[in-house]
Amino acid sequence: MATIKAGIPKGTRDFLPRQMKQRQYVMDVIRSVYEKHGFAPIETPAIENIETLMGKYGEEGDQLLFKILMRGAKAASGACDLGLRYDLTVPLSRFVAMHQNEIGRIFKRYQMQPVYRADRPGHGRFREFYQCDIDMIGAAAPLPEIALLQAVNDVFTALHFDAITIHINDRRILRAFIDVADIAQDDETTAITAIDKLDKIGREGVLKELADRGIAPQAAQKLLDIIEAKESNAQTLDELDALFVSHDEARQAVAELRVIVETAGHFQNPPHLRVSPELARGLNYYTGAIFEIQAEGLSSSIAGGGRYDHLIGMFSGKDIPAVGISLGFERICVIMEERGMFRDTDSGVDVVIAPFHRDALGKATELSAKIRETGLSCELYPGFDKLAKQFKYANERNARFVAVLGEDEMRANTVTVKNMNSGEQKNVSFEKIGDIFHQS
């Protein structure tokens, strides 16, 4: 049989056990915090109908959709009827439209699943990656925004991020900027798409992109001048209020941002929160407040989201208010690894039981159950080799303890336990085996 060269597609990854333990730790923390804030879990299929996905992400997002060819005889047509989800928000909107009678008027959900993007897989970019989303459906701004920001802030506190910055803005403010800058409403989406790249390509880069998109130079200059943040949130909000005298929706957005800023100061571990008029977030479905969260020392975001009051209506025929935030799970894991923030994730197993011969197998099996009852992980060495070989295996498994059941131990109904870190060795009765692990 011919040998197949082992490999995986670009932009995908295998994870070794140590990496998986780190990832599971992060997910467990996120899940625990979300549930403490009253959010419930859901899952949706990785595959959605193509019409569910298309037209929701803007021009650039739609180009990154993985499309699935029709099957069987229809495959030759090149037509696609299915696609892999690009994010978790559009599938959530479809989910809410289908299950409104089961989830209630106000629905608080979290979801942690992989998403797929047909991106060019450069350094740090993946075609398959996890998102950890939290959303509140059915409630108007700004209380849901505050609830989400508090929950996400608690996640980063629990993960021991020393400092994060939450950038907030509102799409209604951006739309008013377009009008104040004398840019045609037809060019709103293209202008916002360019603004969204300000932190990546800088002012001159955005001016060039706006020009390439057909925006007049004087209008582009004016737009960038008025979106600059001021020294304080209060000053920024005051100037926005003055700028939008004739824009009622934008002034309502400013008022909601004031409430969010003031309330965030009462969080248990208040974040650095910055009103950022330049924040755009390019996805087409945002209608109100938008967020991005950055960790100290990093320019790229580790979370983002916003309000999308019209998206569910595309599936249900009736608009339902909704807001959500997605954590950049992969980026969080990379940052924590680079900064040495993971704790106690290297251990493969707490205890390895070393049965000396076949007669010890029954007793070893009973012993393993007793140890697991104490909350520790435990496994039997898969064989009856010499002790030196069994201890070598325990080292390979990063075991904290080895419990030896030899002939002497079997006769005395005892266990010899060796602490693999200190080298200390004790002989204890079978009944008191749990005590020694928790004393060490």
Protein backbone atom coordinates (compact mmCIF):
# COMPACT_ATOMS: atom_id res chain seq x y z
CA MET A 1 0.00 0.00 0.00
CA ALA A 2 1.35 3.44 -0.95
CA THR A 3 2.37 5.71 1.91
CA ILE A 4 0.34 8.91 2.19
CA LYS A 5 2.38 11.95 3.12
CA ALA A 6 1.11 13.14 6.50
CA GLY A 7 -0.01 16.76 6.51
CA ILE A 8 -2.85 19.14 7.32
CA PRO A 9 -4.31 22.07 5.33
CA LYS A 10 -2.66 25.46 5.74
CA GLY A 11 -4.35 27.55 8.39
CA THR A 12 -5.27 24.53 10.54
CA ARG A 13 -3.46 23.01 13.51
CA ASP A 14 -3.01 19.90 15.60
CA PHE A 15 -2.91 20.38 19.38
CA LEU A 16 -0.75 18.27 21.69
CA PRO A 17 -2.10 17.22 25.12
CA ARG A 18 -0.33 20.08 26.95
CA GLN A 19 -1.82 22.62 24.54
CA MET A 20 -5.26 21.07 24.88
CA LYS A 21 -5.10 21.29 28.66
CA GLN A 22 -4.30 24.98 28.34
CA ARG A 23 -7.16 25.52 25.92
CA GLN A 24 -9.57 23.59 28.11
CA TYR A 25 -8.49 25.66 31.11
CA VAL A 26 -9.28 28.90 29.27
CA MET A 27 -12.62 27.54 28.07
CA ASP A 28 -13.52 26.33 31.57
CA VAL A 29 -12.82 29.81 32.99
CA ILE A 30 -14.89 31.49 30.27
CA ARG A 31 -17.75 29.03 30.69
CA SER A 32 -17.76 29.43 34.48
CA VAL A 33 -17.86 33.23 34.34
CA TYR A 34 -20.55 33.33 31.67
CA GLU A 35 -22.78 30.97 33.65
CA LYS A 36 -22.29 33.02 36.83
CA HIS A 37 -23.66 35.96 34.85
CA GLY A 38 -26.77 33.96 33.90
CA PHE A 39 -25.90 33.03 30.30
CA ALA A 40 -26.91 29.60 28.95
CA PRO A 41 -25.01 27.47 26.39
CA ILE A 42 -26.15 26.57 22.88
CA GLU A 43 -24.56 24.95 19.83
CA THR A 44 -25.33 25.33 16.14
CA PRO A 45 -24.12 23.31 13.10
CA ALA A 46 -20.80 24.13 11.47
CA ILE A 47 -22.65 23.92 8.13
CA GLU A 48 -25.37 26.44 7.28
CA ASN A 49 -27.48 27.01 4.18
CA ILE A 50 -25.55 29.35 1.89
CA GLU A 51 -28.38 31.92 1.86
CA THR A 52 -28.14 32.11 5.65
CA LEU A 53 -24.53 33.28 5.38
CA MET A 54 -24.28 35.32 2.20
CA GLY A 55 -24.85 39.08 2.31
CA LYS A 56 -24.36 39.44 6.08
CA TYR A 57 -20.63 40.19 6.36
CA GLY A 58 -19.98 42.86 3.78
CA GLU A 59 -18.02 42.55 0.56
CA GLU A 60 -14.74 41.39 2.15
CA GLY A 61 -16.37 38.98 4.59
CA ASP A 62 -18.47 37.26 1.93
CA GLN A 63 -15.31 36.60 -0.08
CA LEU A 64 -13.91 34.60 2.85
CA LEU A 65 -16.82 32.16 3.12
CA PHE A 66 -16.02 28.49 2.63
CA LYS A 67 -18.70 27.33 0.19
CA ILE A 68 -19.68 23.70 -0.22
CA LEU A 69 -20.41 22.27 -3.68
CA MET A 70 -23.67 20.49 -4.26
CA ARG A 71 -23.28 16.74 -4.04
CA GLY A 72 -23.67 13.87 -6.47
CA ALA A 73 -24.63 14.61 -10.05
CA LYS A 74 -25.09 18.32 -9.27
CA ALA A 75 -21.45 18.75 -8.15
CA ALA A 76 -20.29 19.26 -11.74
CA SER A 77 -22.44 22.39 -11.98
CA GLY A 78 -20.14 24.22 -9.57
CA ALA A 79 -23.18 25.49 -7.65
CA CYS A 80 -23.03 25.79 -3.84
CA ASP A 81 -25.96 25.34 -1.49
CA LEU A 82 -24.12 25.13 1.86
CA GLY A 83 -21.27 26.93 3.60
CA LEU A 84 -19.14 26.74 6.74
CA ARG A 85 -20.07 29.37 9.31
CA TYR A 86 -17.93 32.52 9.21
CA ASP A 87 -18.85 33.52 12.77
CA LEU A 88 -21.35 32.55 15.49
CA THR A 89 -23.56 35.65 15.30
CA VAL A 90 -25.36 35.02 12.01
CA PRO A 91 -26.09 31.38 12.98
CA LEU A 92 -27.39 32.67 16.33
CA SER A 93 -29.77 35.02 14.52
CA ARG A 94 -31.07 32.10 12.45
CA PHE A 95 -31.34 30.04 15.67
CA VAL A 96 -33.38 32.74 17.46
CA ALA A 97 -35.76 33.06 14.50
CA MET A 98 -36.37 29.29 14.55
CA HIS A 99 -36.72 28.86 18.34
CA GLN A 100 -38.44 32.04 19.56
CA ASN A 101 -41.20 30.12 21.35
CA GLU A 102 -38.68 27.99 23.25
CA ILE A 103 -36.13 30.58 24.42
CA GLY A 104 -38.36 33.32 25.82
CA ARG A 105 -38.53 37.07 25.24
CA ILE A 106 -35.10 37.81 26.78
CA PHE A 107 -32.45 35.26 25.83
CA LYS A 108 -28.90 35.24 27.24
CA ARG A 109 -26.64 32.78 25.46
CA TYR A 110 -22.99 31.83 25.21
CA GLN A 111 -21.44 29.63 22.54
CA MET A 112 -17.92 28.24 22.13
CA GLN A 113 -17.36 26.55 18.78
CA PRO A 114 -15.01 26.72 15.78
CA VAL A 115 -15.63 29.02 12.82
CA TYR A 116 -14.10 28.92 9.35
CA ARG A 117 -12.70 31.57 7.02
CA ALA A 118 -11.13 31.12 3.60
CA ASP A 119 -8.41 33.57 4.57
CA ARG A 120 -4.82 33.65 3.39
CA PRO A 121 -3.19 31.75 6.27
CA GLY A 122 -0.29 34.04 7.10
CA HIS A 123 1.47 34.19 10.47
CA GLY A 124 -1.04 34.09 13.31
CA ARG A 125 -4.04 33.71 11.01
CA PHE A 126 -6.09 30.54 10.73
CA ARG A 127 -8.80 29.09 8.56
CA GLU A 128 -10.31 27.23 11.49
CA PHE A 129 -10.42 28.81 14.93
CA TYR A 130 -12.61 29.01 18.02
CA GLN A 131 -14.82 31.89 19.05
CA CYS A 132 -16.35 32.27 22.49
CA ASP A 133 -19.47 34.42 22.10
CA ILE A 134 -21.81 35.96 24.62
CA ASP A 135 -25.06 37.63 23.51
CA MET A 136 -28.27 39.07 24.90
CA ILE A 137 -31.36 38.98 22.72
CA GLY A 138 -34.60 40.92 23.20
CA ALA A 139 -33.52 43.93 25.28
CA ALA A 140 -32.84 47.51 24.18
CA ALA A 141 -29.63 49.43 24.90
CA PRO A 142 -27.74 50.20 27.06
CA LEU A 143 -28.28 47.71 29.93
CA PRO A 144 -27.41 44.59 27.88
CA GLU A 145 -24.19 46.27 26.71
CA ILE A 146 -23.24 46.87 30.34
CA ALA A 147 -24.05 43.26 31.29
CA LEU A 148 -21.89 41.89 28.46
CA LEU A 149 -18.95 44.18 29.19
CA GLN A 150 -19.06 43.28 32.89
CA ALA A 151 -19.08 39.54 32.11
CA VAL A 152 -16.21 39.83 29.62
CA ASN A 153 -14.25 42.04 32.02
CA ASP A 154 -14.71 39.34 34.69
CA VAL A 155 -13.38 36.72 32.25
CA PHE A 156 -10.13 38.64 31.75
CA THR A 157 -9.84 39.22 35.50
CA ALA A 158 -10.28 35.48 36.12
CA LEU A 159 -7.61 34.73 33.49
CA HIS A 160 -5.24 37.14 35.31
CA PHE A 161 -4.91 39.76 32.58
CA ASP A 162 -3.45 42.70 34.49
CA ALA A 163 -4.84 45.43 32.27
CA ILE A 164 -7.26 45.58 29.39
CA THR A 165 -8.66 48.52 27.45
CA ILE A 166 -12.25 48.48 26.21
CA HIS A 167 -12.77 50.71 23.16
CA ILE A 168 -16.39 51.67 22.51
CA ASN A 169 -18.18 53.56 19.77
CA ASP A 170 -21.56 53.42 18.01
CA ARG A 171 -22.43 52.83 14.36
CA ARG A 172 -25.03 55.62 14.58
CA ILE A 173 -22.18 58.00 15.41
CA LEU A 174 -20.22 56.75 12.41
CA ARG A 175 -23.23 57.25 10.15
CA ALA A 176 -23.57 60.81 11.42
CA PHE A 177 -19.87 61.40 10.75
CA ILE A 178 -20.47 60.41 7.13
CA ASP A 179 -23.19 63.02 6.86
CA VAL A 180 -21.24 65.77 8.65
CA ALA A 181 -18.24 65.12 6.39
CA ASP A 182 -20.48 65.64 3.32
CA ILE A 183 -19.99 62.08 2.08
CA ALA A 184 -22.90 60.61 0.13
CA GLN A 185 -25.05 58.08 2.00
CA ASP A 186 -24.44 55.61 -0.82
CA ASP A 187 -20.76 55.65 0.15
CA GLU A 188 -21.41 55.03 3.87
CA THR A 189 -20.47 51.33 3.87
CA THR A 190 -17.35 51.80 1.77
CA ALA A 191 -16.19 54.72 3.96
CA ILE A 192 -16.73 52.78 7.19
CA THR A 193 -14.85 49.80 5.73
CA ALA A 194 -11.87 52.10 5.13
CA ILE A 195 -12.08 53.71 8.59
CA ASP A 196 -12.02 50.23 10.12
CA LYS A 197 -8.42 49.88 8.89
CA LEU A 198 -7.14 53.07 10.57
CA ASP A 199 -5.19 51.22 13.27
CA LYS A 200 -3.61 48.91 10.65
CA ILE A 201 -2.68 51.22 7.78
CA GLY A 202 -2.67 54.63 9.47
CA ARG A 203 -4.18 57.96 8.46
CA GLU A 204 -2.40 58.23 5.10
CA GLY A 205 -3.33 54.68 4.22
CA VAL A 206 -7.00 55.35 4.98
CA LEU A 207 -6.97 58.59 2.98
CA LYS A 208 -5.58 56.66 0.00
CA GLU A 209 -8.17 53.92 0.39
CA LEU A 210 -10.99 56.47 0.65
CA ALA A 211 -9.69 58.13 -2.53
CA ASP A 212 -9.52 54.73 -4.26
CA ARG A 213 -13.13 54.17 -3.22
CA GLY A 214 -14.19 57.43 -4.87
CA ILE A 215 -14.45 59.68 -1.79
CA ALA A 216 -13.46 63.30 -2.49
CA PRO A 217 -10.14 64.30 -0.80
CA GLN A 218 -11.65 67.21 1.15
CA ALA A 219 -14.48 65.01 2.45
CA ALA A 220 -12.00 62.29 3.43
CA GLN A 221 -9.80 64.82 5.29
CA LYS A 222 -12.83 66.23 7.11
CA LEU A 223 -13.99 62.74 8.10
CA LEU A 224 -10.65 61.81 9.65
CA ASP A 225 -10.40 65.18 11.43
CA ILE A 226 -13.74 64.82 13.21
CA ILE A 227 -13.31 61.19 14.32
CA GLU A 228 -10.26 61.90 16.48
CA ALA A 229 -10.74 61.12 20.17
CA LYS A 230 -10.10 63.83 22.76
CA GLU A 231 -8.13 63.67 26.01
CA SER A 232 -10.97 62.28 28.13
CA ASN A 233 -14.18 60.35 27.53
CA ALA A 234 -16.21 63.24 28.89
CA GLN A 235 -14.59 65.69 26.46
CA THR A 236 -15.06 63.31 23.53
CA LEU A 237 -18.75 62.79 24.35
CA ASP A 238 -19.34 66.52 24.90
CA GLU A 239 -17.81 67.37 21.52
CA LEU A 240 -19.84 64.65 19.81
CA ASP A 241 -23.01 66.06 21.38
CA ALA A 242 -22.16 69.50 20.03
CA LEU A 243 -21.28 68.11 16.59
CA PHE A 244 -24.55 66.20 16.21
CA VAL A 245 -27.06 68.92 17.05
CA SER A 246 -29.24 67.92 14.10
CA HIS A 247 -28.67 64.14 14.32
CA ASP A 248 -31.10 62.68 16.86
CA GLU A 249 -29.97 59.05 16.49
CA ALA A 250 -26.32 59.98 17.00
CA ARG A 251 -27.16 62.05 20.09
CA GLN A 252 -29.10 59.07 21.48
CA ALA A 253 -26.00 56.96 20.87
CA VAL A 254 -23.84 59.48 22.75
CA ALA A 255 -26.28 59.38 25.69
CA GLU A 256 -26.09 55.57 25.80
CA LEU A 257 -22.30 55.64 25.71
CA ARG A 258 -22.32 58.01 28.70
CA VAL A 259 -24.34 55.48 30.70
CA ILE A 260 -21.98 52.66 29.72
CA VAL A 261 -18.87 54.68 30.64
CA GLU A 262 -20.28 55.76 34.01
CA THR A 263 -21.51 52.27 34.96
CA ALA A 264 -18.28 50.51 33.97
CA GLY A 265 -16.57 52.48 36.72
CA HIS A 266 -18.58 50.41 39.21
CA PHE A 267 -17.35 47.03 37.98
CA GLN A 268 -15.50 44.99 40.62
CA ASN A 269 -12.27 45.42 38.68
CA PRO A 270 -12.95 48.49 36.51
CA PRO A 271 -11.29 48.34 33.08
CA HIS A 272 -9.71 51.23 31.23
CA LEU A 273 -12.60 52.24 28.99
CA ARG A 274 -12.06 54.61 26.05
CA VAL A 275 -14.65 56.22 23.78
CA SER A 276 -13.01 55.76 20.36
CA PRO A 277 -14.85 57.60 17.55
CA GLU A 278 -12.50 56.01 15.00
CA LEU A 279 -13.60 52.47 15.94
CA ALA A 280 -15.64 51.12 13.02
CA ARG A 281 -15.75 47.28 12.98
CA GLY A 282 -16.44 46.56 9.34
CA LEU A 283 -19.24 43.97 9.59
CA ASN A 284 -22.40 45.24 7.92
CA TYR A 285 -24.88 43.99 10.51
CA TYR A 286 -23.93 46.33 13.40
CA THR A 287 -26.58 48.95 14.21
CA GLY A 288 -25.57 50.50 17.55
CA ALA A 289 -22.80 50.25 20.12
CA ILE A 290 -19.60 48.50 19.00
CA PHE A 291 -16.67 47.27 21.12
CA GLU A 292 -13.08 46.14 20.83
CA ILE A 293 -10.92 44.98 23.73
CA GLN A 294 -7.13 45.14 23.80
CA ALA A 295 -4.62 43.67 26.22
CA GLU A 296 -1.80 45.81 27.56
CA GLY A 297 1.14 45.94 25.18
CA LEU A 298 -0.80 44.69 22.14
CA SER A 299 -2.21 46.70 19.27
CA SER A 300 -4.55 43.99 17.99
CA SER A 301 -7.84 43.23 19.74
CA ILE A 302 -8.61 40.16 21.86
CA ALA A 303 -12.40 40.61 21.76
CA GLY A 304 -14.97 42.56 19.83
CA GLY A 305 -18.65 42.89 19.11
CA GLY A 306 -21.63 45.18 19.02
CA ARG A 307 -25.36 45.65 18.67
CA TYR A 308 -27.19 44.12 15.67
CA ASP A 309 -30.89 44.97 15.99
CA HIS A 310 -31.85 44.13 12.38
CA LEU A 311 -30.01 40.87 11.76
CA ILE A 312 -32.54 38.49 13.36
CA GLY A 313 -35.27 40.25 11.41
CA MET A 314 -33.71 38.97 8.17
CA PHE A 315 -34.76 35.47 9.29
CA SER A 316 -37.88 36.17 11.38
CA GLY A 317 -39.47 39.04 9.44
CA LYS A 318 -39.48 41.15 12.60
CA ASP A 319 -36.56 43.07 14.13
CA ILE A 320 -35.45 41.87 17.55
CA PRO A 321 -32.87 43.85 19.58
CA ALA A 322 -29.60 41.99 20.09
CA VAL A 323 -26.03 42.66 21.20
CA GLY A 324 -23.00 40.40 21.55
CA ILE A 325 -19.26 40.15 22.13
CA SER A 326 -16.91 37.52 20.74
CA LEU A 327 -13.67 36.64 22.53
CA GLY A 328 -10.62 36.00 20.37
CA PHE A 329 -9.96 32.64 21.97
CA GLU A 330 -6.92 31.73 19.87
CA ARG A 331 -5.23 35.07 20.48
CA ILE A 332 -5.93 34.85 24.21
CA CYS A 333 -4.27 31.41 24.37
CA VAL A 334 -1.21 32.66 22.45
CA ILE A 335 -0.83 35.70 24.73
CA MET A 336 -1.14 33.59 27.87
CA GLU A 337 1.45 31.11 26.61
CA GLU A 338 3.89 33.86 25.63
CA ARG A 339 3.48 35.63 28.97
CA GLY A 340 3.68 32.49 31.12
CA MET A 341 0.14 32.94 32.43
CA PHE A 342 -0.90 29.28 32.46
CA ARG A 343 -0.94 27.58 35.84
CA ASP A 344 -0.71 23.86 36.59
CA THR A 345 -1.49 22.75 33.04
CA ASP A 346 1.64 20.67 32.43
CA SER A 347 0.70 17.69 34.59
CA GLY A 348 -0.49 14.73 32.58
CA VAL A 349 -1.98 12.83 35.54
CA ASP A 350 -1.87 13.10 39.32
CA VAL A 351 -1.20 9.46 40.18
CA VAL A 352 0.16 6.47 38.28
CA ILE A 353 -0.48 3.10 39.95
CA ALA A 354 2.33 0.59 39.45
CA PRO A 355 1.05 -2.98 39.84
CA PHE A 356 4.00 -5.34 40.32
CA HIS A 357 2.32 -8.45 38.91
CA ARG A 358 -1.02 -9.75 37.67
CA ASP A 359 -2.26 -10.69 41.16
CA ALA A 360 -2.24 -6.95 42.04
CA LEU A 361 -4.53 -5.97 39.18
CA GLY A 362 -7.81 -6.27 41.09
CA LYS A 363 -6.45 -4.33 44.06
CA ALA A 364 -4.96 -1.72 41.74
CA THR A 365 -8.32 -1.24 40.05
CA GLU A 366 -10.02 -0.70 43.43
CA LEU A 367 -7.25 1.70 44.43
CA SER A 368 -7.68 3.77 41.28
CA ALA A 369 -11.38 4.25 42.07
CA LYS A 370 -10.56 5.37 45.64
CA ILE A 371 -8.03 7.91 44.36
CA ARG A 372 -10.44 9.34 41.79
CA GLU A 373 -13.06 9.76 44.52
CA THR A 374 -10.67 12.22 46.19
CA GLY A 375 -10.78 14.43 43.07
CA LEU A 376 -7.40 13.42 41.63
CA SER A 377 -6.75 11.95 38.21
CA CYS A 378 -5.34 8.44 38.21
CA GLU A 379 -4.30 5.70 35.80
CA LEU A 380 -2.87 2.20 35.92
CA TYR A 381 0.43 1.49 34.24
CA PRO A 382 -0.56 -0.65 31.22
CA GLY A 383 1.55 -3.70 31.98
CA PHE A 384 3.58 -5.56 34.63
CA ASP A 385 7.08 -4.36 33.82
CA LYS A 386 9.92 -3.76 36.23
CA LEU A 387 9.44 -0.78 38.55
CA ALA A 388 12.18 1.22 36.83
CA LYS A 389 10.22 1.11 33.60
CA GLN A 390 6.98 2.02 35.35
CA PHE A 391 8.63 5.00 37.06
CA LYS A 392 10.03 6.13 33.72
CA TYR A 393 6.50 6.07 32.31
CA ALA A 394 5.25 8.11 35.28
CA ASN A 395 7.90 10.74 34.51
CA GLU A 396 6.82 10.83 30.88
CA ARG A 397 3.25 11.42 32.08
CA ASN A 398 4.41 14.21 34.45
CA ALA A 399 2.74 12.31 37.29
CA ARG A 400 2.91 13.87 40.74
CA PHE A 401 2.80 10.51 42.54
CA VAL A 402 3.42 6.82 41.90
CA ALA A 403 1.47 4.30 44.00
CA VAL A 404 3.30 0.93 44.10
CA LEU A 405 1.47 -2.34 44.73
CA GLY A 406 4.18 -4.97 45.11
CA GLU A 407 4.22 -8.32 46.91
CA ASP A 408 4.95 -6.78 50.34
CA GLU A 409 2.19 -4.21 49.92
CA MET A 410 -0.31 -6.85 48.86
CA ARG A 411 0.43 -8.96 51.95
CA ALA A 412 0.14 -5.98 54.31
CA ASN A 413 -2.82 -4.36 52.54
CA THR A 414 -0.79 -1.18 52.12
CA VAL A 415 0.43 1.08 49.31
CA THR A 416 3.86 2.66 48.85
CA VAL A 417 3.46 6.20 47.53
CA LYS A 418 6.36 8.16 46.07
CA ASN A 419 6.18 11.93 45.59
CA MET A 420 7.81 12.42 42.21
CA ASN A 421 8.73 16.04 42.93
CA SER A 422 10.33 15.66 46.35
CA GLY A 423 11.38 12.02 46.11
CA GLU A 424 9.74 11.36 49.51
CA GLN A 425 8.29 7.87 49.89
CA LYS A 426 5.67 6.66 52.40
CA ASN A 427 3.86 3.44 53.10
CA VAL A 428 0.18 3.89 54.02
CA SER A 429 -2.81 1.65 54.58
CA PHE A 430 -5.14 1.05 51.69
CA GLU A 431 -8.04 2.76 53.52
CA LYS A 432 -6.10 5.99 54.16
CA ILE A 433 -4.65 6.36 50.68
CA GLY A 434 -6.50 9.62 50.01
CA ASP A 435 -4.93 11.43 52.97
CA ILE A 436 -1.35 11.22 51.75
CA PHE A 437 -2.00 12.89 48.41
CA HIS A 438 -3.69 15.91 49.96
CA GLN A 439 -1.03 16.24 52.67
CA SER A 440 1.83 16.31 50.14
